[in-house]
N, C-alpha and C. Protein backbone atom coordinates (compact mmCIF):
# COMPACT_ATOMS: atom_id res chain seq x y z
N MET A 1 132.54 109.14 184.35
CA MET A 1 134.04 109.17 184.25
C MET A 1 134.62 110.33 184.94
N SER A 2 135.65 110.08 185.75
CA SER A 2 136.30 111.13 186.51
C SER A 2 137.73 111.11 186.34
N SER A 3 138.44 112.14 186.95
CA SER A 3 139.84 112.23 186.78
C SER A 3 140.59 111.08 187.50
N GLU A 4 139.83 110.41 188.44
CA GLU A 4 140.42 109.27 189.12
C GLU A 4 140.66 108.15 188.21
N THR A 5 139.96 108.04 187.10
CA THR A 5 140.19 107.00 186.09
C THR A 5 141.20 107.38 185.09
N GLY A 6 141.78 108.53 185.20
CA GLY A 6 142.77 109.01 184.21
C GLY A 6 142.25 109.85 183.16
N PHE A 7 141.02 110.14 183.16
CA PHE A 7 140.35 111.02 182.17
C PHE A 7 139.56 112.13 182.88
N ASP A 8 139.07 113.03 182.07
CA ASP A 8 138.06 114.12 182.47
C ASP A 8 138.67 115.07 183.48
N GLY A 9 139.93 115.47 183.29
CA GLY A 9 140.50 116.52 184.07
C GLY A 9 139.82 117.85 183.72
N ARG A 10 140.10 118.92 184.58
CA ARG A 10 139.38 120.17 184.35
C ARG A 10 140.27 121.21 183.62
N LEU A 11 139.73 121.81 182.55
CA LEU A 11 140.44 122.89 181.79
C LEU A 11 139.73 124.19 182.24
N GLU A 12 140.41 125.11 182.83
CA GLU A 12 139.81 126.32 183.21
C GLU A 12 139.77 127.43 182.09
N PRO A 13 138.60 127.94 181.83
CA PRO A 13 138.53 128.94 180.76
C PRO A 13 139.50 130.14 181.05
N GLY A 14 140.02 130.74 180.00
CA GLY A 14 140.89 131.82 180.17
C GLY A 14 140.19 133.20 180.22
N SER A 15 140.96 134.26 180.11
CA SER A 15 140.44 135.57 180.16
C SER A 15 140.19 136.26 178.85
N ARG A 16 140.57 135.56 177.75
CA ARG A 16 140.49 136.20 176.40
C ARG A 16 139.85 135.17 175.43
N PRO A 17 138.55 135.05 175.42
CA PRO A 17 137.88 134.10 174.60
C PRO A 17 137.60 134.62 173.12
N ALA A 18 137.33 133.69 172.24
CA ALA A 18 136.77 133.98 170.99
C ALA A 18 135.68 132.93 170.72
N LEU A 19 134.66 133.36 169.88
CA LEU A 19 133.59 132.38 169.55
C LEU A 19 133.89 131.90 168.13
N LEU A 20 133.97 130.61 167.98
CA LEU A 20 134.17 129.94 166.72
C LEU A 20 132.85 129.31 166.27
N VAL A 21 132.35 129.74 165.12
CA VAL A 21 131.06 129.23 164.63
C VAL A 21 131.38 128.38 163.39
N VAL A 22 131.21 127.13 163.47
CA VAL A 22 131.72 126.17 162.46
C VAL A 22 130.59 125.77 161.51
N ASP A 23 130.75 126.11 160.23
CA ASP A 23 130.00 125.51 159.18
C ASP A 23 128.45 125.60 159.27
N LEU A 24 127.89 126.62 159.81
CA LEU A 24 126.41 126.70 159.91
C LEU A 24 125.88 127.21 158.56
N MET A 25 126.05 126.29 157.54
CA MET A 25 125.67 126.53 156.15
C MET A 25 124.35 125.93 155.87
N ARG A 26 123.74 126.40 154.71
CA ARG A 26 122.45 125.91 154.29
C ARG A 26 122.48 124.39 154.06
N ALA A 27 123.61 123.84 153.73
CA ALA A 27 123.73 122.41 153.49
C ALA A 27 123.23 121.56 154.63
N TYR A 28 123.34 122.06 155.85
CA TYR A 28 122.96 121.31 156.99
C TYR A 28 121.54 121.58 157.48
N PHE A 29 120.81 122.47 156.82
CA PHE A 29 119.46 122.78 157.26
C PHE A 29 118.40 122.78 156.21
N ASP A 30 118.84 122.53 154.92
CA ASP A 30 117.96 122.48 153.83
C ASP A 30 117.57 121.00 153.55
N PRO A 31 116.32 120.67 153.55
CA PRO A 31 115.83 119.26 153.33
C PRO A 31 116.32 118.65 151.99
N ALA A 32 116.66 119.56 151.09
CA ALA A 32 117.18 119.07 149.72
C ALA A 32 118.65 118.58 149.82
N SER A 33 119.24 118.81 150.92
CA SER A 33 120.71 118.49 151.06
C SER A 33 120.80 117.12 151.73
N PRO A 34 121.75 116.24 151.23
CA PRO A 34 121.95 115.01 151.94
C PRO A 34 122.62 115.12 153.34
N LEU A 35 123.09 116.30 153.63
CA LEU A 35 123.74 116.65 154.92
C LEU A 35 122.73 117.17 155.94
N CYS A 36 121.43 117.40 155.52
CA CYS A 36 120.53 118.06 156.38
C CYS A 36 120.33 117.38 157.77
N LEU A 37 120.32 118.14 158.81
CA LEU A 37 120.19 117.70 160.19
C LEU A 37 118.73 117.53 160.50
N PRO A 38 118.42 116.74 161.51
CA PRO A 38 117.01 116.51 161.93
C PRO A 38 116.49 117.66 162.76
N SER A 39 117.26 118.63 163.19
CA SER A 39 116.80 119.71 164.05
C SER A 39 117.58 120.97 163.74
N LYS A 40 116.96 122.11 164.00
CA LYS A 40 117.67 123.43 163.88
C LYS A 40 117.98 124.03 165.24
N ASP A 41 117.83 123.26 166.29
CA ASP A 41 118.04 123.76 167.62
C ASP A 41 119.43 124.27 167.85
N CYS A 42 120.43 123.63 167.24
CA CYS A 42 121.82 124.10 167.42
C CYS A 42 121.99 125.47 166.75
N LEU A 43 121.25 125.68 165.61
CA LEU A 43 121.37 126.94 164.94
C LEU A 43 120.82 128.13 165.76
N ASP A 44 119.66 127.86 166.41
CA ASP A 44 119.12 128.85 167.24
C ASP A 44 120.00 129.18 168.47
N SER A 45 120.58 128.15 169.04
CA SER A 45 121.52 128.31 170.12
C SER A 45 122.71 129.17 169.78
N ALA A 46 123.24 128.80 168.63
CA ALA A 46 124.44 129.55 168.12
C ALA A 46 124.13 131.01 167.89
N ALA A 47 122.95 131.25 167.39
CA ALA A 47 122.52 132.67 167.14
C ALA A 47 122.51 133.46 168.44
N ARG A 48 122.05 132.78 169.50
CA ARG A 48 122.06 133.52 170.81
C ARG A 48 123.52 133.75 171.29
N LEU A 49 124.35 132.79 171.11
CA LEU A 49 125.74 133.03 171.47
C LEU A 49 126.39 134.17 170.68
N LEU A 50 126.03 134.25 169.41
CA LEU A 50 126.55 135.35 168.61
C LEU A 50 126.06 136.66 169.10
N GLY A 51 124.87 136.80 169.52
CA GLY A 51 124.24 138.08 170.00
C GLY A 51 125.05 138.52 171.26
N VAL A 52 125.27 137.59 172.19
CA VAL A 52 125.98 138.02 173.40
C VAL A 52 127.46 138.30 173.14
N ALA A 53 128.08 137.49 172.28
CA ALA A 53 129.45 137.75 171.97
C ALA A 53 129.60 139.19 171.33
N ARG A 54 128.74 139.52 170.41
CA ARG A 54 128.79 140.84 169.80
C ARG A 54 128.52 141.95 170.83
N GLU A 55 127.60 141.72 171.72
CA GLU A 55 127.26 142.78 172.64
C GLU A 55 128.43 143.04 173.61
N HIS A 56 129.29 142.04 173.86
CA HIS A 56 130.38 142.18 174.80
C HIS A 56 131.79 142.22 174.11
N GLY A 57 131.78 142.43 172.85
CA GLY A 57 133.03 142.60 172.18
C GLY A 57 133.91 141.38 172.06
N VAL A 58 133.36 140.16 172.13
CA VAL A 58 134.16 138.97 171.98
C VAL A 58 134.46 138.68 170.51
N PRO A 59 135.71 138.50 170.15
CA PRO A 59 135.95 138.19 168.73
C PRO A 59 135.21 137.02 168.25
N ILE A 60 134.73 137.02 167.00
CA ILE A 60 133.96 135.98 166.36
C ILE A 60 134.57 135.56 165.07
N ILE A 61 134.76 134.23 164.82
CA ILE A 61 135.27 133.71 163.64
C ILE A 61 134.27 132.74 163.13
N HIS A 62 133.89 132.76 161.84
CA HIS A 62 132.97 131.83 161.17
C HIS A 62 133.81 130.96 160.26
N THR A 63 133.38 129.75 160.04
CA THR A 63 133.92 128.94 158.95
C THR A 63 132.83 128.40 158.05
N ARG A 64 133.21 128.17 156.82
CA ARG A 64 132.31 127.48 155.89
C ARG A 64 133.25 126.66 155.02
N VAL A 65 132.57 125.70 154.25
CA VAL A 65 133.34 124.77 153.41
C VAL A 65 132.96 125.07 152.00
N ALA A 66 134.03 125.12 151.19
CA ALA A 66 133.83 125.36 149.76
C ALA A 66 135.08 124.73 148.98
N TYR A 67 134.82 124.23 147.82
CA TYR A 67 135.87 123.65 147.04
C TYR A 67 135.97 124.31 145.71
N GLY A 68 137.20 124.18 145.07
CA GLY A 68 137.47 124.75 143.81
C GLY A 68 136.72 123.95 142.70
N PRO A 69 137.01 124.30 141.42
CA PRO A 69 136.35 123.58 140.34
C PRO A 69 136.48 122.09 140.39
N GLY A 70 135.32 121.42 140.35
CA GLY A 70 135.30 119.95 140.37
C GLY A 70 135.84 119.39 141.60
N GLY A 71 135.96 120.18 142.73
CA GLY A 71 136.48 119.62 143.97
C GLY A 71 137.97 119.34 143.93
N VAL A 72 138.69 120.11 143.12
CA VAL A 72 140.12 119.84 142.90
C VAL A 72 140.89 119.88 144.18
N ASP A 73 140.45 120.64 145.16
CA ASP A 73 141.26 120.77 146.42
C ASP A 73 140.62 119.91 147.58
N GLY A 74 139.73 118.98 147.20
CA GLY A 74 139.06 118.19 148.20
C GLY A 74 139.69 116.92 148.61
N GLY A 75 140.69 116.47 147.91
CA GLY A 75 141.46 115.30 148.16
C GLY A 75 140.65 114.09 148.39
N MET A 76 141.01 113.27 149.36
CA MET A 76 140.39 111.99 149.70
C MET A 76 139.09 112.29 150.48
N PHE A 77 138.98 113.44 151.08
CA PHE A 77 137.77 113.74 151.88
C PHE A 77 136.46 113.73 151.01
N VAL A 78 136.50 114.33 149.84
CA VAL A 78 135.35 114.38 149.02
C VAL A 78 135.01 113.06 148.38
N ARG A 79 136.04 112.20 148.31
CA ARG A 79 135.78 110.79 147.84
C ARG A 79 135.05 110.05 148.90
N LYS A 80 135.47 110.21 150.16
CA LYS A 80 134.86 109.51 151.25
C LYS A 80 133.47 110.03 151.53
N VAL A 81 133.18 111.31 151.40
CA VAL A 81 131.92 111.93 151.64
C VAL A 81 131.34 112.51 150.37
N PRO A 82 130.65 111.76 149.53
CA PRO A 82 130.18 112.26 148.28
C PRO A 82 129.18 113.42 148.45
N ALA A 83 128.56 113.62 149.56
CA ALA A 83 127.63 114.64 149.81
C ALA A 83 128.37 116.00 149.66
N LEU A 84 129.67 115.98 149.83
CA LEU A 84 130.37 117.32 149.69
C LEU A 84 130.52 117.83 148.26
N THR A 85 130.14 116.98 147.33
CA THR A 85 130.11 117.44 145.90
C THR A 85 129.17 118.72 145.68
N GLN A 86 128.22 118.88 146.56
CA GLN A 86 127.32 120.03 146.45
C GLN A 86 128.08 121.37 146.84
N LEU A 87 129.26 121.23 147.39
CA LEU A 87 130.04 122.42 147.78
C LEU A 87 131.15 122.66 146.77
N PHE A 88 131.15 121.98 145.65
CA PHE A 88 132.19 122.22 144.57
C PHE A 88 131.90 123.57 144.01
N ASP A 89 132.95 124.06 143.27
CA ASP A 89 132.76 125.29 142.45
C ASP A 89 132.39 126.51 143.30
N GLY A 90 133.01 126.63 144.52
CA GLY A 90 132.86 127.79 145.37
C GLY A 90 131.84 127.59 146.47
N GLY A 91 131.10 126.48 146.45
CA GLY A 91 130.05 126.20 147.51
C GLY A 91 128.72 126.38 147.11
N GLY A 92 128.37 127.31 146.16
CA GLY A 92 127.08 127.46 145.74
C GLY A 92 126.11 127.90 146.87
N VAL A 93 124.81 127.71 146.58
CA VAL A 93 123.76 128.02 147.52
C VAL A 93 123.92 127.29 148.80
N MET A 94 124.27 125.94 148.70
CA MET A 94 124.34 125.17 149.89
C MET A 94 125.49 125.51 150.83
N GLY A 95 126.45 126.26 150.27
CA GLY A 95 127.61 126.76 151.07
C GLY A 95 127.30 128.08 151.81
N GLU A 96 126.19 128.65 151.57
CA GLU A 96 125.93 130.01 152.18
C GLU A 96 125.71 129.74 153.73
N LEU A 97 126.18 130.75 154.50
CA LEU A 97 125.88 130.74 155.97
C LEU A 97 124.41 131.05 156.19
N MET A 98 123.80 130.44 157.17
CA MET A 98 122.42 130.70 157.49
C MET A 98 122.19 132.16 157.90
N PRO A 99 121.02 132.72 157.57
CA PRO A 99 120.76 134.11 157.95
C PRO A 99 120.87 134.37 159.46
N GLN A 100 120.45 133.38 160.21
CA GLN A 100 120.41 133.52 161.69
C GLN A 100 121.79 133.79 162.27
N VAL A 101 122.80 133.36 161.57
CA VAL A 101 124.27 133.47 162.08
C VAL A 101 125.09 134.14 161.01
N ALA A 102 124.54 134.94 160.14
CA ALA A 102 125.26 135.64 159.08
C ALA A 102 126.32 136.53 159.77
N PRO A 103 127.55 136.51 159.25
CA PRO A 103 128.59 137.30 159.82
C PRO A 103 128.44 138.80 159.60
N ALA A 104 128.82 139.57 160.62
CA ALA A 104 128.91 140.99 160.51
C ALA A 104 130.12 141.39 159.59
N GLU A 105 130.12 142.60 159.18
CA GLU A 105 131.14 143.04 158.23
C GLU A 105 132.58 142.89 158.88
N ASP A 106 132.69 143.05 160.17
CA ASP A 106 133.93 143.00 160.81
C ASP A 106 134.34 141.64 161.29
N GLU A 107 133.57 140.57 160.99
CA GLU A 107 133.83 139.23 161.46
C GLU A 107 134.49 138.38 160.46
N LEU A 108 135.55 137.72 160.80
CA LEU A 108 136.35 136.90 159.85
C LEU A 108 135.50 135.61 159.46
N VAL A 109 135.55 135.29 158.17
CA VAL A 109 134.98 134.07 157.62
C VAL A 109 136.13 133.29 157.04
N LEU A 110 136.44 132.13 157.54
CA LEU A 110 137.50 131.29 156.99
C LEU A 110 136.84 130.19 156.16
N VAL A 111 137.40 130.00 154.95
CA VAL A 111 136.94 128.91 154.03
C VAL A 111 137.88 127.74 154.24
N LYS A 112 137.27 126.57 154.48
CA LYS A 112 138.09 125.38 154.71
C LYS A 112 137.61 124.25 153.81
N GLN A 113 138.47 123.18 153.68
CA GLN A 113 138.18 122.08 152.85
C GLN A 113 138.02 120.79 153.61
N TYR A 114 138.49 120.80 154.78
CA TYR A 114 138.55 119.53 155.66
C TYR A 114 137.82 119.82 156.94
N ALA A 115 137.83 118.76 157.87
CA ALA A 115 137.02 118.79 159.04
C ALA A 115 137.42 119.89 160.02
N SER A 116 138.66 119.98 160.34
CA SER A 116 139.08 120.96 161.35
C SER A 116 139.10 122.39 160.82
N ALA A 117 138.71 123.30 161.67
CA ALA A 117 138.70 124.74 161.33
C ALA A 117 140.13 125.24 161.25
N PHE A 118 141.10 124.43 161.85
CA PHE A 118 142.55 124.76 161.78
C PHE A 118 143.30 124.34 160.59
N PHE A 119 142.85 123.15 160.08
CA PHE A 119 143.66 122.46 159.00
C PHE A 119 143.60 123.32 157.73
N GLY A 120 144.78 123.74 157.28
CA GLY A 120 144.89 124.46 156.01
C GLY A 120 144.37 125.86 156.03
N THR A 121 144.15 126.41 157.28
CA THR A 121 143.69 127.77 157.38
C THR A 121 144.62 128.56 158.30
N THR A 122 144.36 129.97 158.42
CA THR A 122 145.12 130.76 159.25
C THR A 122 144.63 130.89 160.69
N LEU A 123 143.71 130.03 161.06
CA LEU A 123 143.02 130.20 162.37
C LEU A 123 143.93 130.32 163.59
N ALA A 124 144.88 129.36 163.67
CA ALA A 124 145.79 129.34 164.81
C ALA A 124 146.56 130.65 164.92
N SER A 125 147.17 131.06 163.82
CA SER A 125 148.01 132.29 163.86
C SER A 125 147.11 133.48 164.13
N THR A 126 145.96 133.52 163.54
CA THR A 126 145.04 134.66 163.84
C THR A 126 144.67 134.77 165.34
N LEU A 127 144.35 133.64 165.91
CA LEU A 127 144.02 133.64 167.39
C LEU A 127 145.16 134.00 168.23
N HIS A 128 146.37 133.44 167.93
CA HIS A 128 147.55 133.75 168.77
C HIS A 128 147.88 135.26 168.64
N ALA A 129 147.74 135.85 167.42
CA ALA A 129 148.08 137.24 167.25
C ALA A 129 147.15 138.11 168.08
N GLN A 130 145.87 137.61 168.31
CA GLN A 130 144.97 138.44 169.13
C GLN A 130 145.00 138.13 170.68
N GLY A 131 145.93 137.28 171.05
CA GLY A 131 146.03 136.87 172.43
C GLY A 131 144.95 136.02 172.89
N ILE A 132 144.21 135.35 171.99
CA ILE A 132 143.03 134.47 172.40
C ILE A 132 143.62 133.24 173.14
N ASP A 133 142.96 132.88 174.29
CA ASP A 133 143.39 131.67 175.00
C ASP A 133 142.25 130.59 175.12
N THR A 134 141.05 131.00 174.72
CA THR A 134 139.91 130.09 174.90
C THR A 134 139.03 130.20 173.67
N LEU A 135 138.51 129.06 173.18
CA LEU A 135 137.63 129.05 172.08
C LEU A 135 136.27 128.42 172.51
N VAL A 136 135.24 129.27 172.41
CA VAL A 136 133.86 128.77 172.56
C VAL A 136 133.42 128.37 171.24
N ILE A 137 133.03 127.02 171.12
CA ILE A 137 132.77 126.38 169.87
C ILE A 137 131.32 126.00 169.67
N ALA A 138 130.76 126.45 168.53
CA ALA A 138 129.34 126.15 168.16
C ALA A 138 129.41 125.68 166.70
N GLY A 139 128.42 124.97 166.26
CA GLY A 139 128.27 124.61 164.83
C GLY A 139 128.08 123.16 164.62
N VAL A 140 128.46 122.70 163.39
CA VAL A 140 128.18 121.31 163.07
C VAL A 140 129.37 120.70 162.27
N SER A 141 129.42 119.37 162.22
CA SER A 141 128.64 118.45 163.12
C SER A 141 129.50 118.06 164.21
N THR A 142 128.81 117.62 165.26
CA THR A 142 129.53 117.23 166.47
C THR A 142 130.62 116.17 166.31
N SER A 143 130.27 115.16 165.51
CA SER A 143 131.21 114.04 165.39
C SER A 143 132.26 114.27 164.35
N GLY A 144 132.08 115.40 163.56
CA GLY A 144 132.96 115.72 162.42
C GLY A 144 133.80 116.98 162.69
N CYS A 145 133.28 118.01 162.19
CA CYS A 145 134.07 119.26 162.25
C CYS A 145 134.22 119.95 163.57
N ILE A 146 133.22 119.69 164.48
CA ILE A 146 133.35 120.14 165.89
C ILE A 146 134.41 119.37 166.62
N ARG A 147 134.29 118.11 166.51
CA ARG A 147 135.34 117.23 167.24
C ARG A 147 136.72 117.55 166.65
N ALA A 148 136.86 117.63 165.36
CA ALA A 148 138.25 117.79 164.77
C ALA A 148 138.72 119.22 165.22
N SER A 149 137.91 120.14 165.22
CA SER A 149 138.31 121.53 165.62
C SER A 149 138.68 121.62 167.07
N ALA A 150 137.89 120.99 167.93
CA ALA A 150 138.20 121.00 169.38
C ALA A 150 139.53 120.23 169.63
N VAL A 151 139.72 119.08 168.97
CA VAL A 151 140.99 118.38 169.20
C VAL A 151 142.22 119.30 168.72
N ASP A 152 142.08 119.92 167.59
CA ASP A 152 143.17 120.76 167.13
C ASP A 152 143.31 121.95 168.06
N ALA A 153 142.23 122.48 168.55
CA ALA A 153 142.30 123.64 169.49
C ALA A 153 143.19 123.35 170.67
N ILE A 154 142.94 122.20 171.30
CA ILE A 154 143.79 121.85 172.49
C ILE A 154 145.25 121.62 172.10
N GLN A 155 145.41 121.05 170.87
CA GLN A 155 146.76 120.75 170.39
C GLN A 155 147.53 122.05 170.12
N TYR A 156 146.78 123.11 169.78
CA TYR A 156 147.42 124.42 169.50
C TYR A 156 147.51 125.21 170.75
N GLY A 157 147.07 124.76 171.86
CA GLY A 157 147.23 125.48 173.19
C GLY A 157 146.02 126.29 173.65
N PHE A 158 144.93 126.15 172.95
CA PHE A 158 143.73 126.89 173.37
C PHE A 158 142.84 125.92 174.23
N VAL A 159 142.00 126.57 175.13
CA VAL A 159 141.01 125.84 175.97
C VAL A 159 139.77 125.75 175.09
N PRO A 160 139.37 124.51 174.67
CA PRO A 160 138.12 124.42 173.85
C PRO A 160 136.94 124.25 174.74
N LEU A 161 135.92 125.09 174.58
CA LEU A 161 134.60 125.01 175.27
C LEU A 161 133.61 124.66 174.21
N VAL A 162 133.13 123.41 174.18
CA VAL A 162 132.15 122.99 173.22
C VAL A 162 130.73 123.16 173.85
N VAL A 163 129.92 123.97 173.19
CA VAL A 163 128.62 124.28 173.77
C VAL A 163 127.56 123.22 173.28
N ARG A 164 127.20 122.44 174.24
CA ARG A 164 126.32 121.28 173.97
C ARG A 164 125.13 121.60 173.18
N ASP A 165 124.43 122.73 173.52
CA ASP A 165 123.17 123.09 172.86
C ASP A 165 123.40 123.70 171.43
N ALA A 166 124.60 124.19 171.21
CA ALA A 166 124.92 124.93 169.97
C ALA A 166 125.66 124.10 168.98
N VAL A 167 125.74 122.78 169.15
CA VAL A 167 126.31 121.88 168.17
C VAL A 167 125.29 120.78 167.87
N GLY A 168 125.33 120.25 166.66
CA GLY A 168 124.42 119.23 166.20
C GLY A 168 125.03 118.21 165.33
N ASP A 169 124.21 117.07 165.15
CA ASP A 169 124.74 115.97 164.37
C ASP A 169 123.56 115.31 163.69
N ARG A 170 123.88 114.30 162.83
CA ARG A 170 122.80 113.67 162.08
C ARG A 170 121.88 112.78 162.92
N GLY A 171 122.30 112.51 164.22
CA GLY A 171 121.51 111.65 165.04
C GLY A 171 122.06 111.75 166.45
N PRO A 172 121.19 111.33 167.52
CA PRO A 172 121.62 111.48 168.88
C PRO A 172 122.82 110.59 169.27
N GLY A 173 122.95 109.44 168.54
CA GLY A 173 124.01 108.55 168.85
C GLY A 173 125.45 109.14 168.65
N PRO A 174 125.75 109.58 167.44
CA PRO A 174 127.05 110.22 167.27
C PRO A 174 127.27 111.52 168.05
N HIS A 175 126.10 112.23 168.23
CA HIS A 175 126.17 113.58 168.96
C HIS A 175 126.58 113.25 170.40
N GLU A 176 125.83 112.37 171.12
CA GLU A 176 126.14 112.13 172.49
C GLU A 176 127.47 111.40 172.78
N ALA A 177 127.79 110.43 171.83
CA ALA A 177 128.98 109.73 171.99
C ALA A 177 130.24 110.63 171.86
N ASN A 178 130.17 111.55 170.94
CA ASN A 178 131.34 112.48 170.69
C ASN A 178 131.41 113.54 171.83
N LEU A 179 130.25 113.98 172.30
CA LEU A 179 130.38 114.94 173.47
C LEU A 179 130.95 114.28 174.69
N PHE A 180 130.57 113.03 174.90
CA PHE A 180 131.14 112.21 175.96
C PHE A 180 132.64 112.15 175.87
N ASP A 181 133.15 111.82 174.65
CA ASP A 181 134.56 111.64 174.42
C ASP A 181 135.26 112.93 174.47
N LEU A 182 134.67 114.07 173.93
CA LEU A 182 135.30 115.32 174.03
C LEU A 182 135.52 115.79 175.42
N GLN A 183 134.46 115.58 176.30
CA GLN A 183 134.60 115.94 177.62
C GLN A 183 135.65 115.15 178.38
N ALA A 184 135.81 113.86 177.99
CA ALA A 184 136.78 112.98 178.68
C ALA A 184 138.20 113.34 178.38
N LYS A 185 138.49 113.85 177.13
CA LYS A 185 139.86 113.91 176.66
C LYS A 185 140.32 115.24 176.05
N TYR A 186 139.37 116.02 175.51
CA TYR A 186 139.89 117.08 174.64
C TYR A 186 139.35 118.49 174.97
N ALA A 187 138.18 118.57 175.66
CA ALA A 187 137.43 119.88 175.81
C ALA A 187 136.64 119.88 177.04
N GLU A 188 136.08 121.06 177.35
CA GLU A 188 135.00 121.16 178.31
C GLU A 188 133.76 121.27 177.53
N VAL A 189 132.80 120.43 177.80
CA VAL A 189 131.47 120.46 177.22
C VAL A 189 130.56 121.21 178.15
N ILE A 190 130.04 122.34 177.67
CA ILE A 190 129.26 123.25 178.59
C ILE A 190 127.87 123.46 177.96
N THR A 191 126.96 123.95 178.82
CA THR A 191 125.62 124.27 178.42
C THR A 191 125.57 125.66 177.77
N GLU A 192 124.58 125.96 177.06
CA GLU A 192 124.39 127.30 176.52
C GLU A 192 124.34 128.35 177.57
N SER A 193 123.68 128.13 178.72
CA SER A 193 123.64 129.17 179.70
C SER A 193 124.97 129.46 180.36
N VAL A 194 125.79 128.42 180.52
CA VAL A 194 127.12 128.65 181.04
C VAL A 194 127.96 129.48 180.01
N ALA A 195 127.85 129.10 178.77
CA ALA A 195 128.56 129.82 177.66
C ALA A 195 128.14 131.27 177.64
N LEU A 196 126.87 131.54 177.71
CA LEU A 196 126.41 132.91 177.67
C LEU A 196 126.95 133.72 178.84
N GLY A 197 126.98 133.12 180.00
CA GLY A 197 127.52 133.82 181.19
C GLY A 197 128.98 134.15 181.04
N TYR A 198 129.76 133.12 180.45
CA TYR A 198 131.18 133.35 180.22
C TYR A 198 131.41 134.38 179.23
N LEU A 199 130.68 134.40 178.13
CA LEU A 199 130.90 135.43 177.09
C LEU A 199 130.55 136.84 177.57
N ALA A 200 129.65 136.96 178.57
CA ALA A 200 129.14 138.21 179.11
C ALA A 200 130.03 138.75 180.20
N GLU A 201 131.06 138.01 180.62
CA GLU A 201 131.85 138.49 181.73
C GLU A 201 132.62 139.73 181.34
N ASN A 202 132.72 140.65 182.37
CA ASN A 202 133.55 141.81 182.16
C ASN A 202 135.02 141.55 182.13
N ARG A 203 135.73 141.98 181.16
CA ARG A 203 137.15 141.67 181.04
C ARG A 203 137.89 143.02 180.77
């Protein structure tokens, strides 16, 4: 697909990036969870992105999902995805961020209830206040929270860079289909090596 067909134009990364690490919680990597992914590759890739971002002073924002008592703030989403009940009452063990990507003391952790990292959170205003123009996006899942966050990112005026190696899904079908569609309409889908080079640039 090319821009000649009306899709897949080029978004140029800006000079002020932030790294957004979406929902890398135990729920996606523990075999006891119904949300468990078939591979931890995206987790390892995200950890490498975190290391370079920290080394070069790039702002980092983490998200995780947690609900109030009985999922009172989960609305229709928790009815549609019953697996989210394990994140009721504050998230519990399954809501904990994985040790490989545990936030540093000075890194913001946003708690969300829905797919997009922007919906119902302060993310957009936080990024605008810091002059951020580009979001490097890692986390899970490609077809859900990654896609929703990337779509909202472009709608809020940020350049979304979705790192192919650092996002994961429940199977290759939804993963590849959504990366294809994100590249066509909403984001730049880049490799880990390209993302690492961008995060390491002198600014």
